[in-house]
Amino acid sequence: MDDLDRLSRRLGYRFQDPSLFELALSHRSVSRRRNNERLEFLGDAQLSQIISTELFQRFPDAAEGQLTRMRAYLVRGQTLAEVARELGVGEYLILGGGELKSGGNRRDSILADALEALIGAIVIDGGEDTCRRVILAWFADRLERISPQSVRKDAKTRLQEWLQARKHELPGYEVVSVTGQAPRQTFEVACALPDLNQRFVATGASRRRAEQQVAEQALTWLEQTHE
């Protein structure tokens, strides 16, 4: 593994306990007993608390729902993976042979989990105040750009609310097919609008993404044909 000094500089934090640093970068494919999953659990909670407090202070007039959506956007897996890439975390991940060969150091889920594990490790190593300072530096640009108006509800929620407001039946989602081998699978999902006799199909790299894609399709059709 490359010298961790470079990653320390990118993170803006130097660990007092180097073994904790290495543990945060150790994927479960290396060892079932010594990996970063427990640190990930701690980091997930710490990240949510720090981002929640920051949003609460930055947006004193934002409603609870707006704060929730902004937080969800900032702590979602895709955003965490983007931050991890910007910091160069993937270069230093400790992976088992299979994950290494399959490009695990580039996978969103592994990068996001590692970032949360690093947060958990920083809390233990340096304390909550230091951890807060480091995390807010990582998310500084995103916190500057985000606003209650910039983050909409997800497509499934908006579709459900559109239908409920007009007394229509709620949509039904069904996985039509799954192709490929994990973790590089493609999900095909159908969304049915029963009382409107409409059915839409979309694909995605996960069931959740496919459901969001197909809900967006259904919403587009509804807005074009019913308003």
Protein backbone atom coordinates (compact mmCIF):
# COMPACT_ATOMS: atom_id res chain seq x y z
CA MET A 1 0.00 0.00 0.00
CA ASP A 2 1.22 3.49 -0.83
CA ASP A 3 2.42 5.80 1.88
CA LEU A 4 -0.59 7.15 3.76
CA ASP A 5 1.02 10.56 4.32
CA ARG A 6 -0.32 11.77 0.97
CA LEU A 7 -3.86 10.67 1.83
CA SER A 8 -3.54 12.32 5.25
CA ARG A 9 -2.76 15.62 3.56
CA ARG A 10 -5.73 15.23 1.23
CA LEU A 11 -8.02 14.42 4.14
CA GLY A 12 -6.74 17.35 6.17
CA TYR A 13 -6.18 15.10 9.15
CA ARG A 14 -3.19 13.17 10.53
CA PHE A 15 -4.00 10.10 12.61
CA GLN A 16 -2.36 9.65 16.00
CA ASP A 17 -3.08 5.91 15.67
CA PRO A 18 -1.97 4.71 12.20
CA SER A 19 -3.57 1.29 12.77
CA LEU A 20 -6.96 2.97 13.02
CA PHE A 21 -6.30 4.70 9.71
CA GLU A 22 -5.50 1.39 8.02
CA LEU A 23 -8.53 -0.29 9.57
CA ALA A 24 -10.80 2.38 8.10
CA LEU A 25 -9.46 1.54 4.65
CA SER A 26 -9.79 -2.25 5.07
CA HIS A 27 -12.71 -3.77 3.17
CA ARG A 28 -14.46 -6.87 4.49
CA SER A 29 -13.06 -8.85 1.55
CA VAL A 30 -9.69 -8.74 3.36
CA SER A 31 -10.94 -10.12 6.68
CA ARG A 32 -14.33 -10.93 8.16
CA ARG A 33 -13.17 -9.94 11.63
CA ARG A 34 -10.83 -7.02 11.00
CA ASN A 35 -12.47 -4.64 8.55
CA ASN A 36 -14.00 -1.18 8.43
CA GLU A 37 -17.68 -2.10 8.94
CA ARG A 38 -17.90 -1.06 12.61
CA LEU A 39 -16.15 2.24 11.85
CA GLU A 40 -18.55 2.72 8.95
CA PHE A 41 -21.49 2.34 11.35
CA LEU A 42 -20.05 5.01 13.63
CA GLY A 43 -19.13 7.33 10.78
CA ASP A 44 -22.58 7.13 9.24
CA ALA A 45 -24.17 8.38 12.47
CA GLN A 46 -21.54 11.08 12.96
CA LEU A 47 -21.87 12.36 9.39
CA SER A 48 -25.64 12.59 9.66
CA GLN A 49 -25.40 14.53 12.93
CA ILE A 50 -22.81 16.99 11.63
CA ILE A 51 -24.60 17.67 8.35
CA SER A 52 -27.96 17.98 10.14
CA THR A 53 -26.58 20.56 12.57
CA GLU A 54 -24.86 22.52 9.81
CA LEU A 55 -28.00 22.66 7.65
CA PHE A 56 -30.11 23.64 10.67
CA GLN A 57 -27.79 26.57 11.37
CA ARG A 58 -27.36 27.64 7.74
CA PHE A 59 -31.05 27.61 6.86
CA PRO A 60 -33.03 29.00 9.83
CA ASP A 61 -36.18 29.40 7.73
CA ALA A 62 -36.13 25.97 6.05
CA ALA A 63 -38.96 23.57 6.84
CA GLU A 64 -38.28 20.11 8.27
CA GLY A 65 -38.97 18.44 4.94
CA GLN A 66 -36.54 20.73 3.13
CA LEU A 67 -33.81 20.07 5.70
CA THR A 68 -34.42 16.33 5.39
CA ARG A 69 -34.11 16.39 1.60
CA MET A 70 -30.92 18.47 1.69
CA ARG A 71 -29.37 16.11 4.23
CA ALA A 72 -30.43 13.06 2.21
CA TYR A 73 -28.77 14.53 -0.87
CA LEU A 74 -25.51 15.28 0.93
CA VAL A 75 -25.16 11.94 2.75
CA ARG A 76 -26.42 9.64 -0.03
CA GLY A 77 -24.03 7.01 -1.34
CA GLN A 78 -23.46 8.73 -4.68
CA THR A 79 -22.38 11.99 -3.02
CA LEU A 80 -20.10 10.19 -0.57
CA ALA A 81 -18.46 8.28 -3.41
CA GLU A 82 -17.87 11.58 -5.25
CA VAL A 83 -16.22 13.07 -2.16
CA ALA A 84 -14.10 9.94 -1.72
CA ARG A 85 -12.91 10.21 -5.33
CA GLU A 86 -12.03 13.87 -4.89
CA LEU A 87 -9.91 12.93 -1.87
CA GLY A 88 -8.28 10.02 -3.69
CA VAL A 89 -9.47 7.41 -1.19
CA GLY A 90 -9.77 4.66 -3.79
CA GLU A 91 -6.01 4.57 -4.33
CA TYR A 92 -5.46 3.50 -0.72
CA LEU A 93 -8.25 0.98 -0.14
CA ILE A 94 -7.16 -2.40 1.21
CA LEU A 95 -9.13 -5.00 -0.74
CA GLY A 96 -9.19 -8.76 -1.13
CA GLY A 97 -7.94 -10.24 -4.39
CA GLY A 98 -11.39 -10.68 -5.93
CA GLU A 99 -12.51 -7.13 -5.20
CA LEU A 100 -9.21 -5.75 -6.41
CA LYS A 101 -9.48 -7.57 -9.74
CA SER A 102 -13.09 -6.48 -10.25
CA GLY A 103 -12.25 -2.80 -9.69
CA GLY A 104 -13.67 -2.49 -6.19
CA ASN A 105 -11.58 0.61 -5.53
CA ARG A 106 -13.74 2.43 -8.10
CA ARG A 107 -17.14 1.16 -6.95
CA ASP A 108 -19.49 3.75 -5.44
CA SER A 109 -20.67 1.56 -2.57
CA ILE A 110 -17.15 0.64 -1.43
CA LEU A 111 -15.92 4.22 -1.70
CA ALA A 112 -18.92 5.56 0.21
CA ASP A 113 -18.50 2.97 2.96
CA ALA A 114 -14.79 3.75 3.26
CA LEU A 115 -15.48 7.47 3.59
CA GLU A 116 -17.92 6.78 6.43
CA ALA A 117 -15.35 4.49 8.04
CA LEU A 118 -12.74 7.24 7.86
CA ILE A 119 -15.17 9.59 9.58
CA GLY A 120 -15.71 7.03 12.33
CA ALA A 121 -11.96 6.61 12.71
CA ILE A 122 -11.40 10.37 12.92
CA VAL A 123 -14.05 10.66 15.67
CA ILE A 124 -12.25 8.04 17.74
CA ASP A 125 -8.77 9.35 17.00
CA GLY A 126 -9.31 13.09 17.20
CA GLY A 127 -12.66 13.74 18.84
CA GLU A 128 -15.96 15.19 17.68
CA ASP A 129 -14.85 18.81 17.25
CA THR A 130 -11.94 17.86 15.02
CA CYS A 131 -14.13 15.47 13.05
CA ARG A 132 -16.70 18.20 12.48
CA ARG A 133 -14.02 20.58 11.17
CA VAL A 134 -12.65 17.96 8.77
CA ILE A 135 -16.04 16.89 7.41
CA LEU A 136 -17.23 20.46 6.87
CA ALA A 137 -14.06 21.11 4.88
CA TRP A 138 -14.76 18.06 2.68
CA PHE A 139 -18.33 19.20 2.05
CA ALA A 140 -17.66 22.96 1.91
CA ASP A 141 -18.37 23.43 -1.81
CA ARG A 142 -21.53 21.33 -1.70
CA LEU A 143 -22.81 23.14 1.37
CA GLU A 144 -22.27 26.46 -0.41
CA ARG A 145 -24.21 25.31 -3.48
CA ILE A 146 -27.13 23.56 -1.81
CA SER A 147 -30.40 25.32 -0.93
CA PRO A 148 -33.94 24.30 -0.01
CA GLN A 149 -34.98 25.11 -3.57
CA SER A 150 -32.20 23.12 -5.24
CA VAL A 151 -33.15 19.71 -3.86
CA ARG A 152 -36.44 18.25 -4.99
CA LYS A 153 -38.21 15.26 -3.55
CA ASP A 154 -37.22 12.01 -5.23
CA ALA A 155 -39.25 10.86 -8.24
CA LYS A 156 -41.10 8.04 -6.43
CA THR A 157 -42.30 10.43 -3.73
CA ARG A 158 -43.37 13.07 -6.25
CA LEU A 159 -45.23 10.46 -8.31
CA GLN A 160 -47.07 9.17 -5.26
CA GLU A 161 -48.05 12.68 -4.16
CA TRP A 162 -49.23 13.59 -7.68
CA LEU A 163 -51.49 10.53 -7.81
CA GLN A 164 -52.79 10.94 -4.26
CA ALA A 165 -53.68 14.58 -4.85
CA ARG A 166 -55.87 13.54 -7.80
CA LYS A 167 -57.44 10.50 -6.12
CA HIS A 168 -55.71 7.96 -8.36
CA GLU A 169 -54.51 4.51 -7.32
CA LEU A 170 -50.92 4.35 -6.11
CA PRO A 171 -48.28 2.98 -8.50
CA GLY A 172 -47.02 -0.59 -8.42
CA TYR A 173 -43.38 -1.49 -9.00
CA GLU A 174 -42.14 -4.84 -10.28
CA VAL A 175 -38.66 -6.13 -11.11
CA VAL A 176 -38.97 -7.46 -14.66
CA SER A 177 -35.46 -8.85 -15.01
CA VAL A 178 -31.96 -8.79 -13.55
CA THR A 179 -29.02 -9.30 -15.88
CA GLY A 180 -25.29 -9.64 -15.23
CA GLN A 181 -23.39 -10.75 -12.15
CA ALA A 182 -23.18 -8.86 -8.86
CA PRO A 183 -21.98 -6.22 -8.33
CA ARG A 184 -22.36 -5.24 -12.01
CA GLN A 185 -26.01 -6.03 -12.47
CA THR A 186 -28.68 -4.24 -14.46
CA PHE A 187 -32.22 -4.13 -13.08
CA GLU A 188 -35.26 -3.69 -15.31
CA VAL A 189 -38.23 -2.37 -13.35
CA ALA A 190 -41.82 -1.73 -14.42
CA CYS A 191 -44.14 0.86 -12.92
CA ALA A 192 -47.88 0.37 -13.39
CA LEU A 193 -50.56 3.03 -12.97
CA PRO A 194 -53.59 0.73 -12.58
CA ASP A 195 -56.56 3.04 -13.07
CA LEU A 196 -54.82 4.92 -15.89
CA ASN A 197 -53.94 1.72 -17.78
CA GLN A 198 -50.33 2.76 -18.18
CA ARG A 199 -47.10 0.84 -17.67
CA PHE A 200 -43.55 2.15 -17.90
CA VAL A 201 -40.22 0.32 -17.92
CA ALA A 202 -36.71 1.56 -17.08
CA THR A 203 -33.32 0.10 -16.18
CA GLY A 204 -30.69 0.97 -13.60
CA ALA A 205 -27.57 -0.32 -11.85
CA SER A 206 -29.68 -1.08 -8.76
CA ARG A 207 -33.34 -1.71 -8.08
CA ARG A 208 -33.64 1.66 -6.37
CA ARG A 209 -32.15 3.54 -9.32
CA ALA A 210 -34.35 1.70 -11.78
CA GLU A 211 -37.44 2.53 -9.70
CA GLN A 212 -36.49 6.20 -9.61
CA GLN A 213 -35.92 6.22 -13.38
CA VAL A 214 -39.25 4.61 -14.15
CA ALA A 215 -41.08 6.89 -11.71
CA GLU A 216 -39.57 9.87 -13.51
CA GLN A 217 -40.89 8.49 -16.80
CA ALA A 218 -44.36 8.09 -15.36
CA LEU A 219 -44.30 11.63 -13.94
CA THR A 220 -43.24 13.10 -17.28
CA TRP A 221 -46.11 11.34 -19.03
CA LEU A 222 -48.64 12.47 -16.41
CA GLU A 223 -47.50 16.08 -16.53
CA GLN A 224 -47.62 16.14 -20.33
CA THR A 225 -51.04 14.49 -20.69
CA HIS A 226 -52.98 15.61 -17.60
CA GLU A 227 -51.99 19.21 -16.99
